Amino acid sequence: MTAKHAGLRASGAPLPAVYDCAMLDLDGVVYRGGTAIDGVSDLLERVRSAGMKLAFVTNNAARTPEAVAAQLRELGVQAETTDVVTSAQAAAREVSTRVEKGSAVLVVGGEGLDVALRELGLRPVHSAADSPSAVVQGFHPDVGWRQLAEASYVVTSGVPWVASNLDLTIPTADGIAPGNGTLVGAVASAVGHAPDVVAGKPHRPLFDETITRIGAEHPIVVGDRLDTDIEGANTCGAHSLLVMTGVTDLAALCRAGAEQRPTYVAWTLGGLLAEHAAPARREDSWQLGGWSVTVHDAALEVETTGADRNAGLRAVVSAAWSWYDDLPPKQTEGDLDIGAASAALRLP
């Protein structure tokens, strides 16, 4: 059984003084859709000036690092190609440990995988007729039945099969669409087993690839998703900062199990430059910065409020986690009313 999370961690100094690299997720952290999140460009330059390296880390295997860096620059965020690490690069690395250099590798995906394989001396192919020694699969909007069939034919022959990630959905301008996990699932259903390894978050290879490329010794993972960014950090034994500018809302954060609880939380990426005090428990209340939060009759109650909304967020989350952790062992789920807390934090 997973040990209970110890709760939010305190940092008496801004995070660049504690960690040497921020592994930044992109959508929901740096930008939303096609627009940079307000103030991010200037903030990241301040983080760099404070001595922290930046790595832009993405589960998207379709695009090359060059394309990702170019998009970031268009949004006003300074980024070099070498600052970007993708799940395609991590997947290619995993393939390279399983086949000989120069081997043909069947690619089910886009240019990002082709480039990553060539970088490591492997030869991307797109047909079973080319006798590939491995299969690597990543998302691309043009992947269809024929490519999935080719993958099934080759995987059935017993060669290694590496998936870039298993994200079931991806956000698009028109709404939520099937992600690489659904396409990998189609092949898995046909061949009767899962991929040999998954490279992207929350699995370890992408984090290891980032450390290798960036040269970090004490990184912090920064993300907006509990099930990829934060769970991945916990899996690797790394610390993490969850920002509330993406997909995670207060209710989801309050319900997070031990494996998906971040080290620090903040409303925005400005949390990178802040000190982080941890709430203190006094009898039945969690207190920080003038905020005092308790739980009565399965409802969060904010008894006093302070000026710092980040302190309020940390106090609310700590009270919620404590309540969930104290549920009887056989009661694995409970309904905690967060309405009063949402109002006190001025959430819409």
Protein backbone atom coordinates (compact mmCIF):
# COMPACT_ATOMS: atom_id res chain seq x y z
CA MET A 1 0.00 0.00 0.00
CA THR A 2 1.22 3.49 -0.81
CA ALA A 3 2.26 5.47 2.26
CA LYS A 4 0.14 8.48 3.06
CA HIS A 5 1.48 11.73 1.71
CA ALA A 6 3.18 13.80 4.39
CA GLY A 7 1.42 16.93 3.20
CA LEU A 8 2.64 20.09 1.54
CA ARG A 9 6.32 20.85 1.97
CA ALA A 10 7.72 24.12 3.28
CA SER A 11 10.41 26.08 1.45
CA GLY A 12 11.93 29.03 3.24
CA ALA A 13 13.44 30.34 0.00
CA PRO A 14 12.09 30.87 -3.52
CA LEU A 15 12.23 27.61 -5.46
CA PRO A 16 15.16 28.60 -7.77
CA ALA A 17 17.32 28.65 -4.63
CA VAL A 18 16.33 25.05 -3.86
CA TYR A 19 16.07 23.37 -7.30
CA ASP A 20 18.35 23.72 -10.32
CA CYS A 21 15.83 23.01 -13.08
CA ALA A 22 12.10 23.40 -13.64
CA MET A 23 10.63 20.64 -15.81
CA LEU A 24 7.72 22.60 -17.24
CA ASP A 25 4.65 21.08 -18.77
CA LEU A 26 3.31 23.22 -21.59
CA ASP A 27 -0.45 23.34 -22.13
CA GLY A 28 -2.06 24.60 -18.94
CA VAL A 29 1.24 25.85 -17.51
CA VAL A 30 2.97 27.99 -20.15
CA TYR A 31 0.04 28.45 -22.51
CA ARG A 32 -3.62 27.56 -22.93
CA GLY A 33 -4.53 26.53 -26.45
CA GLY A 34 -2.72 29.01 -28.67
CA THR A 35 -2.28 31.79 -26.12
CA ALA A 36 0.46 32.33 -23.56
CA ILE A 37 -0.80 32.52 -19.98
CA ASP A 38 -0.65 36.11 -18.72
CA GLY A 39 2.77 37.14 -17.48
CA VAL A 40 4.48 33.82 -18.15
CA SER A 41 7.15 35.14 -20.51
CA ASP A 42 8.45 37.76 -18.06
CA LEU A 43 8.14 35.37 -15.14
CA LEU A 44 10.21 32.67 -16.82
CA GLU A 45 12.94 35.18 -17.61
CA ARG A 46 13.00 36.11 -13.92
CA VAL A 47 13.28 32.42 -13.04
CA ARG A 48 16.23 32.05 -15.43
CA SER A 49 17.84 35.16 -13.96
CA ALA A 50 17.54 33.53 -10.54
CA GLY A 51 19.76 30.70 -11.79
CA MET A 52 17.19 28.01 -12.58
CA LYS A 53 17.35 26.09 -15.85
CA LEU A 54 14.11 25.62 -17.78
CA ALA A 55 13.11 22.45 -19.61
CA PHE A 56 9.90 22.42 -21.64
CA VAL A 57 8.70 18.83 -21.33
CA THR A 58 5.83 17.47 -23.39
CA ASN A 59 4.04 14.17 -23.92
CA ASN A 60 3.30 15.29 -27.49
CA ALA A 61 5.32 13.04 -29.79
CA ALA A 62 3.98 14.44 -33.05
CA ARG A 63 6.08 17.61 -33.20
CA THR A 64 9.84 18.05 -33.22
CA PRO A 65 11.65 20.02 -30.51
CA GLU A 66 12.39 22.66 -33.17
CA ALA A 67 8.68 23.10 -33.85
CA VAL A 68 7.82 23.31 -30.14
CA ALA A 69 10.57 25.87 -29.49
CA ALA A 70 9.40 27.94 -32.46
CA GLN A 71 5.84 27.95 -31.12
CA LEU A 72 7.05 29.09 -27.70
CA ARG A 73 9.02 31.95 -29.24
CA GLU A 74 5.96 33.01 -31.23
CA LEU A 75 4.12 33.24 -27.89
CA GLY A 76 6.87 35.44 -26.46
CA VAL A 77 8.60 32.73 -24.43
CA GLN A 78 12.34 32.47 -25.00
CA ALA A 79 13.16 28.86 -25.86
CA GLU A 80 15.92 27.08 -27.76
CA THR A 81 15.51 23.69 -29.38
CA THR A 82 17.75 22.19 -26.71
CA ASP A 83 15.36 23.43 -24.01
CA VAL A 84 12.56 21.14 -25.30
CA VAL A 85 12.28 17.45 -24.44
CA THR A 86 9.51 15.31 -25.95
CA SER A 87 8.10 11.87 -25.36
CA ALA A 88 9.26 11.02 -28.89
CA GLN A 89 12.87 11.50 -27.78
CA ALA A 90 12.32 9.38 -24.68
CA ALA A 91 10.59 6.68 -26.74
CA ALA A 92 13.43 6.65 -29.28
CA ARG A 93 15.92 6.26 -26.43
CA GLU A 94 14.00 3.24 -25.14
CA VAL A 95 13.98 1.69 -28.62
CA SER A 96 17.72 2.30 -28.99
CA THR A 97 18.42 0.17 -25.91
CA ARG A 98 16.52 -2.75 -27.44
CA VAL A 99 17.79 -2.89 -31.02
CA GLU A 100 21.11 -2.48 -32.82
CA LYS A 101 22.17 0.86 -34.25
CA GLY A 102 20.98 1.27 -37.82
CA SER A 103 17.95 -0.95 -37.29
CA ALA A 104 14.67 -0.25 -39.05
CA VAL A 105 11.91 0.85 -36.66
CA LEU A 106 8.25 0.96 -37.66
CA VAL A 107 6.83 4.39 -36.83
CA VAL A 108 3.16 4.82 -36.07
CA GLY A 109 2.99 8.58 -35.59
CA GLY A 110 4.49 11.77 -36.95
CA GLU A 111 7.67 13.65 -37.73
CA GLY A 112 8.66 13.95 -34.08
CA LEU A 113 9.31 10.21 -33.88
CA ASP A 114 11.12 10.08 -37.24
CA VAL A 115 13.54 12.83 -36.18
CA ALA A 116 14.11 11.36 -32.72
CA LEU A 117 14.95 7.93 -34.14
CA ARG A 118 17.39 9.32 -36.72
CA GLU A 119 19.11 11.32 -33.98
CA LEU A 120 20.00 8.02 -32.31
CA GLY A 121 21.13 6.28 -35.49
CA LEU A 122 17.93 4.33 -36.15
CA ARG A 123 16.02 4.13 -39.43
CA PRO A 124 12.30 5.00 -39.36
CA VAL A 125 10.11 2.97 -41.71
CA HIS A 126 6.36 2.82 -42.22
CA SER A 127 5.64 -0.69 -43.47
CA ALA A 128 5.94 -4.20 -42.13
CA ALA A 129 7.49 -5.08 -45.50
CA ASP A 130 10.66 -3.25 -44.38
CA SER A 131 11.28 -5.93 -41.70
CA PRO A 132 11.46 -3.53 -38.73
CA SER A 133 13.19 -4.62 -35.55
CA ALA A 134 10.85 -2.63 -33.29
CA VAL A 135 7.66 -0.57 -33.27
CA VAL A 136 7.35 2.91 -31.80
CA GLN A 137 3.90 4.49 -31.51
CA GLY A 138 2.96 8.09 -30.86
CA PHE A 139 0.04 10.37 -31.60
CA HIS A 140 -0.50 12.07 -34.93
CA PRO A 141 -3.87 13.22 -36.28
CA ASP A 142 -3.31 11.34 -39.54
CA VAL A 143 -2.84 7.93 -37.91
CA GLY A 144 -5.54 5.59 -39.19
CA TRP A 145 -6.46 1.96 -39.63
CA ARG A 146 -3.67 1.09 -42.06
CA GLN A 147 -0.94 2.33 -39.72
CA LEU A 148 -2.51 0.54 -36.76
CA ALA A 149 -2.73 -2.63 -38.82
CA GLU A 150 0.95 -2.40 -39.79
CA ALA A 151 1.82 -2.02 -36.11
CA SER A 152 -0.27 -5.07 -35.22
CA TYR A 153 1.43 -7.20 -37.87
CA VAL A 154 4.91 -6.27 -36.63
CA VAL A 155 4.17 -6.46 -32.90
CA THR A 156 2.70 -9.93 -33.39
CA SER A 157 6.09 -11.07 -34.70
CA GLY A 158 7.54 -10.48 -31.23
CA VAL A 159 9.64 -7.32 -31.68
CA PRO A 160 9.81 -4.63 -28.96
CA TRP A 161 6.89 -2.19 -28.90
CA VAL A 162 7.37 1.24 -27.32
CA ALA A 163 4.58 3.80 -26.85
CA SER A 164 5.32 7.49 -26.44
CA ASN A 165 2.48 7.96 -23.95
CA LEU A 166 -0.96 6.64 -23.02
CA ASP A 167 -2.94 9.89 -22.77
CA LEU A 168 -6.51 8.86 -23.53
CA THR A 169 -7.60 12.33 -24.63
CA ILE A 170 -6.13 15.48 -26.12
CA PRO A 171 -7.62 18.99 -26.07
CA THR A 172 -8.39 20.56 -29.44
CA ALA A 173 -9.95 23.83 -30.53
CA ASP A 174 -13.23 21.97 -31.04
CA GLY A 175 -13.18 20.02 -27.76
CA ILE A 176 -11.77 16.80 -26.34
CA ALA A 177 -10.56 14.21 -28.85
CA PRO A 178 -9.06 10.69 -28.60
CA GLY A 179 -5.38 10.67 -27.67
CA ASN A 180 -2.52 8.25 -28.23
CA GLY A 181 -3.76 5.96 -25.47
CA THR A 182 -6.86 5.12 -27.48
CA LEU A 183 -4.76 4.31 -30.56
CA VAL A 184 -2.34 2.19 -28.53
CA GLY A 185 -5.37 0.46 -27.04
CA ALA A 186 -6.56 -0.50 -30.51
CA VAL A 187 -3.26 -2.24 -31.26
CA ALA A 188 -3.19 -3.82 -27.80
CA SER A 189 -6.65 -5.26 -28.39
CA ALA A 190 -5.48 -6.75 -31.68
CA VAL A 191 -2.23 -8.30 -30.39
CA GLY A 192 -3.42 -9.27 -26.91
CA HIS A 193 -0.95 -7.34 -24.76
CA ALA A 194 0.18 -3.85 -23.79
CA PRO A 195 3.36 -2.11 -25.05
CA ASP A 196 6.66 -3.27 -23.58
CA VAL A 197 7.37 0.22 -22.27
CA VAL A 198 5.66 3.62 -22.14
CA ALA A 199 8.02 6.58 -22.37
CA GLY A 200 5.86 9.61 -21.51
CA LYS A 201 4.47 10.99 -18.28
CA PRO A 202 3.64 9.64 -15.74
CA HIS A 203 6.24 6.99 -16.58
CA ARG A 204 9.92 7.50 -15.84
CA PRO A 205 11.70 7.55 -19.23
CA LEU A 206 10.68 11.12 -20.17
CA PHE A 207 11.91 12.46 -16.83
CA ASP A 208 15.20 10.59 -17.19
CA GLU A 209 15.58 11.87 -20.76
CA THR A 210 15.08 15.42 -19.54
CA ILE A 211 17.76 15.08 -16.86
CA THR A 212 20.15 13.60 -19.44
CA ARG A 213 19.60 16.40 -21.94
CA ILE A 214 19.37 19.37 -19.57
CA GLY A 215 21.96 18.22 -17.04
CA ALA A 216 19.80 18.77 -13.97
CA GLU A 217 20.76 17.36 -10.59
CA HIS A 218 17.87 18.52 -8.40
CA PRO A 219 14.86 19.26 -10.64
CA ILE A 220 11.29 20.17 -9.77
CA VAL A 221 8.37 19.10 -11.97
CA VAL A 222 5.87 21.86 -12.74
CA GLY A 223 2.50 20.87 -14.14
CA ASP A 224 -1.25 21.26 -14.14
CA ARG A 225 -2.26 17.59 -14.30
CA LEU A 226 -2.35 15.28 -11.31
CA ASP A 227 -2.37 12.04 -13.31
CA THR A 228 0.67 12.80 -15.50
CA ASP A 229 2.85 15.62 -14.14
CA ILE A 230 2.40 15.09 -10.41
CA GLU A 231 2.03 11.32 -10.39
CA GLY A 232 5.09 11.10 -12.63
CA ALA A 233 7.13 13.25 -10.26
CA ASN A 234 6.10 11.09 -7.31
CA THR A 235 6.94 7.93 -9.25
CA CYS A 236 10.46 9.28 -9.84
CA GLY A 237 10.93 10.59 -6.31
CA ALA A 238 11.03 14.20 -7.52
CA HIS A 239 9.36 17.22 -5.96
CA SER A 240 6.59 19.01 -7.83
CA LEU A 241 4.63 22.24 -8.11
CA LEU A 242 1.01 22.08 -9.21
CA VAL A 243 -0.35 25.26 -10.77
CA MET A 244 -4.09 25.88 -11.06
CA THR A 245 -4.02 27.45 -14.53
CA GLY A 246 -4.86 24.23 -16.39
CA VAL A 247 -7.14 21.23 -16.06
CA THR A 248 -7.00 20.56 -12.30
CA ASP A 249 -9.70 22.28 -10.28
CA LEU A 250 -10.01 22.65 -6.52
CA ALA A 251 -12.31 19.64 -6.15
CA ALA A 252 -9.88 17.33 -7.97
CA LEU A 253 -6.92 18.60 -5.95
CA CYS A 254 -8.78 18.09 -2.68
CA ARG A 255 -9.60 14.49 -3.67
CA ALA A 256 -6.05 13.64 -4.81
CA GLY A 257 -4.72 10.38 -3.45
CA ALA A 258 -1.22 10.06 -2.04
CA GLU A 259 0.31 9.14 -5.40
CA GLN A 260 -1.02 12.32 -7.03
CA ARG A 261 -0.35 14.91 -4.33
CA PRO A 262 2.12 17.68 -5.21
CA THR A 263 4.92 18.97 -3.01
CA TYR A 264 3.79 22.58 -3.50
CA VAL A 265 0.68 24.26 -4.89
CA ALA A 266 0.11 27.75 -6.27
CA TRP A 267 -2.57 29.47 -8.30
CA THR A 268 -0.10 30.45 -11.04
CA LEU A 269 3.43 29.84 -12.23
CA GLY A 270 4.41 32.73 -9.98
CA GLY A 271 4.68 30.04 -7.32
CA LEU A 272 8.12 29.25 -8.76
CA LEU A 273 9.48 32.53 -7.42
CA ALA A 274 7.75 32.36 -4.04
CA GLU A 275 8.63 31.00 -0.65
CA HIS A 276 6.27 28.24 0.42
CA ALA A 277 5.13 28.07 4.03
CA ALA A 278 3.31 24.89 5.01
CA PRO A 279 0.01 25.01 6.92
CA ALA A 280 0.16 24.06 10.58
CA ARG A 281 -2.44 21.84 12.22
CA ARG A 282 -3.80 23.17 15.50
CA GLU A 283 -6.37 20.80 16.98
CA ASP A 284 -9.01 20.47 14.24
CA SER A 285 -7.97 23.40 12.06
CA TRP A 286 -5.30 23.97 9.42
CA GLN A 287 -3.83 27.46 9.62
CA LEU A 288 -1.60 29.58 7.41
CA GLY A 289 -1.30 33.30 6.74
CA GLY A 290 -4.47 34.27 8.54
CA TRP A 291 -6.47 31.41 7.03
CA SER A 292 -8.04 28.83 9.31
CA VAL A 293 -9.80 25.86 7.75
CA THR A 294 -11.64 22.99 9.42
CA VAL A 295 -13.92 20.15 8.37
CA HIS A 296 -17.30 19.71 10.01
CA ASP A 297 -19.93 17.21 8.90
CA ALA A 298 -18.03 16.42 5.70
CA ALA A 299 -17.83 20.07 4.69
CA LEU A 300 -14.83 22.37 4.52
CA GLU A 301 -15.35 25.49 6.63
CA VAL A 302 -13.16 28.57 6.38
CA GLU A 303 -13.23 30.17 9.81
CA THR A 304 -10.88 33.08 9.02
CA THR A 305 -9.39 34.38 5.79
CA GLY A 306 -6.13 36.13 4.99
CA ALA A 307 -4.92 38.35 2.17
CA ASP A 308 -2.79 35.69 0.41
CA ARG A 309 -4.94 33.37 -1.73
CA ASN A 310 -2.02 30.98 -2.14
CA ALA A 311 -1.95 30.53 1.63
CA GLY A 312 -5.70 29.92 1.55
CA LEU A 313 -5.32 27.30 -1.18
CA ARG A 314 -2.67 25.46 0.85
CA ALA A 315 -4.74 25.52 4.03
CA VAL A 316 -7.85 24.26 2.23
CA VAL A 317 -5.96 21.46 0.48
CA SER A 318 -4.23 20.36 3.69
CA ALA A 319 -7.54 20.17 5.54
CA ALA A 320 -9.11 18.17 2.72
CA TRP A 321 -6.23 15.69 2.46
CA SER A 322 -6.30 15.15 6.20
CA TRP A 323 -10.03 14.43 6.09
CA TYR A 324 -9.70 11.94 3.24
CA ASP A 325 -6.74 10.23 4.92
CA ASP A 326 -8.74 9.81 8.12
CA LEU A 327 -11.63 7.99 6.44
CA PRO A 328 -12.13 4.44 7.72
CA PRO A 329 -10.04 1.90 5.76
CA LYS A 330 -13.03 0.32 4.03
CA GLN A 331 -14.45 3.70 3.05
CA THR A 332 -12.18 4.51 0.14
CA GLU A 333 -14.24 7.42 -1.13
CA GLY A 334 -16.18 10.20 0.47
CA ASP A 335 -18.01 13.34 -0.57
CA LEU A 336 -16.39 16.43 0.91
CA ASP A 337 -18.38 19.61 0.41
CA ILE A 338 -15.97 22.33 -0.76
CA GLY A 339 -18.59 24.99 -1.53
CA ALA A 340 -17.69 27.31 1.36
CA ALA A 341 -13.98 26.98 0.61
CA SER A 342 -14.54 27.80 -3.07
CA ALA A 343 -16.48 30.92 -2.09
CA ALA A 344 -13.81 32.02 0.38
CA LEU A 345 -11.11 31.56 -2.27
CA ARG A 346 -13.26 33.57 -4.69
CA LEU A 347 -13.58 30.82 -7.25
CA PRO A 348 -16.22 31.23 -9.98
